[in-house]
Amino acid sequence: MLYGAHKFSQLEHALEVHRRHSERWGCGFECLDRDFTTCKLYSKHYFLLSNMLHELSKPEEERQQWPL
């Protein structure tokens, strides 16, 4: 998660490295770039759960494959 007044060049660089890694290996990459505090939903757990539910709402053949 990276947004608001807490942006640091080190964090931005780390996210860029993760993004490039994901592209190279064909993995998904999600970045929370908006502030949920106005909605009272400031939570990494909420963000992860919403991404998982979005993926599970797709037809089975279109879903990302997650290793067990």
C-alpha atoms as a PDB file:
ATOM      1  CA  MET A   1       0.000   0.000   0.000  1.00  0.00           C
ATOM      2  CA  LEU A   2       1.409   3.332  -1.014  1.00  0.00           C
ATOM      3  CA  TYR A   3      -0.504   6.576  -0.909  1.00  0.00           C
ATOM      4  CA  GLY A   4      -0.948   9.874   0.871  1.00  0.00           C
ATOM      5  CA  ALA A   5       1.805  11.664   2.757  1.00  0.00           C
ATOM      6  CA  HIS A   6       3.664   8.410   3.430  1.00  0.00           C
ATOM      7  CA  LYS A   7       5.327   8.156   0.018  1.00  0.00           C
ATOM      8  CA  PHE A   8       9.050   7.509   0.252  1.00  0.00           C
ATOM      9  CA  SER A   9      11.407   6.941  -2.654  1.00  0.00           C
ATOM     10  CA  GLN A  10      12.487   3.610  -1.115  1.00  0.00           C
ATOM     11  CA  LEU A  11       8.887   2.355  -1.059  1.00  0.00           C
ATOM     12  CA  GLU A  12       8.243   3.529  -4.596  1.00  0.00           C
ATOM     13  CA  HIS A  13      11.413   1.753  -5.758  1.00  0.00           C
ATOM     14  CA  ALA A  14      10.403  -1.453  -3.946  1.00  0.00           C
ATOM     15  CA  LEU A  15       6.991  -1.393  -5.635  1.00  0.00           C
ATOM     16  CA  GLU A  16       8.613  -0.847  -9.020  1.00  0.00           C
ATOM     17  CA  VAL A  17      10.903  -3.849  -8.430  1.00  0.00           C
ATOM     18  CA  HIS A  18       7.885  -6.002  -7.484  1.00  0.00           C
ATOM     19  CA  ARG A  19       5.971  -4.790 -10.541  1.00  0.00           C
ATOM     20  CA  ARG A  20       8.860  -5.661 -12.896  1.00  0.00           C
ATOM     21  CA  HIS A  21       9.289  -9.067 -11.212  1.00  0.00           C
ATOM     22  CA  SER A  22       5.586  -9.787 -11.682  1.00  0.00           C
ATOM     23  CA  GLU A  23       5.704  -8.819 -15.348  1.00  0.00           C
ATOM     24  CA  ARG A  24       8.806 -10.927 -15.953  1.00  0.00           C
ATOM     25  CA  TRP A  25       7.328 -14.065 -14.419  1.00  0.00           C
ATOM     26  CA  GLY A  26       3.718 -13.503 -15.510  1.00  0.00           C
ATOM     27  CA  CYS A  27       2.368 -13.033 -11.995  1.00  0.00           C
ATOM     28  CA  GLY A  28      -0.382 -10.668 -11.010  1.00  0.00           C
ATOM     29  CA  PHE A  29       0.503  -7.381  -9.363  1.00  0.00           C
ATOM     30  CA  GLU A  30      -1.947  -5.292  -7.368  1.00  0.00           C
ATOM     31  CA  CYS A  31      -1.151  -2.020  -5.672  1.00  0.00           C
ATOM     32  CA  LEU A  32      -3.524  -0.153  -3.402  1.00  0.00           C
ATOM     33  CA  ASP A  33      -3.042   3.419  -4.544  1.00  0.00           C
ATOM     34  CA  ARG A  34      -6.010   5.131  -2.940  1.00  0.00           C
ATOM     35  CA  ASP A  35      -6.796   5.996   0.627  1.00  0.00           C
ATOM     36  CA  PHE A  36      -9.612   4.033   2.272  1.00  0.00           C
ATOM     37  CA  THR A  37      -9.572   6.076   5.471  1.00  0.00           C
ATOM     38  CA  THR A  38     -12.478   8.259   4.327  1.00  0.00           C
ATOM     39  CA  CYS A  39     -14.556   5.096   3.920  1.00  0.00           C
ATOM     40  CA  LYS A  40     -13.471   3.613   7.281  1.00  0.00           C
ATOM     41  CA  LEU A  41     -12.027   0.661   5.366  1.00  0.00           C
ATOM     42  CA  TYR A  42      -8.320   1.180   5.956  1.00  0.00           C
ATOM     43  CA  SER A  43      -7.198  -2.416   6.009  1.00  0.00           C
ATOM     44  CA  LYS A  44      -4.722  -4.569   4.120  1.00  0.00           C
ATOM     45  CA  HIS A  45      -6.971  -7.516   4.930  1.00  0.00           C
ATOM     46  CA  TYR A  46      -9.915  -5.823   3.218  1.00  0.00           C
ATOM     47  CA  PHE A  47      -7.787  -5.103   0.144  1.00  0.00           C
ATOM     48  CA  LEU A  48      -6.528  -8.701  -0.099  1.00  0.00           C
ATOM     49  CA  LEU A  49      -9.969 -10.168   0.509  1.00  0.00           C
ATOM     50  CA  SER A  50     -11.601  -7.936  -2.115  1.00  0.00           C
ATOM     51  CA  ASN A  51      -8.964  -9.012  -4.666  1.00  0.00           C
ATOM     52  CA  MET A  52      -9.511 -12.681  -3.851  1.00  0.00           C
ATOM     53  CA  LEU A  53     -13.292 -12.354  -4.080  1.00  0.00           C
ATOM     54  CA  HIS A  54     -12.999 -10.530  -7.390  1.00  0.00           C
ATOM     55  CA  GLU A  55     -10.865 -13.376  -8.734  1.00  0.00           C
ATOM     56  CA  LEU A  56     -13.261 -16.023  -7.404  1.00  0.00           C
ATOM     57  CA  SER A  57     -16.217 -14.275  -9.053  1.00  0.00           C
ATOM     58  CA  LYS A  58     -14.700 -15.029 -12.481  1.00  0.00           C
ATOM     59  CA  PRO A  59     -15.544 -18.251 -14.337  1.00  0.00           C
ATOM     60  CA  GLU A  60     -13.219 -21.037 -13.236  1.00  0.00           C
ATOM     61  CA  GLU A  61     -11.310 -21.190 -16.528  1.00  0.00           C
ATOM     62  CA  GLU A  62     -10.471 -17.445 -16.348  1.00  0.00           C
ATOM     63  CA  ARG A  63      -9.218 -17.411 -12.735  1.00  0.00           C
ATOM     64  CA  GLN A  64      -5.586 -17.070 -11.750  1.00  0.00           C
ATOM     65  CA  GLN A  65      -4.074 -20.354 -10.639  1.00  0.00           C
ATOM     66  CA  TRP A  66      -2.828 -20.147  -7.050  1.00  0.00           C
ATOM     67  CA  PRO A  67      -0.328 -22.764  -5.886  1.00  0.00           C
ATOM     68  CA  LEU A  68      -1.325 -24.751  -2.837  1.00  0.00           C
END
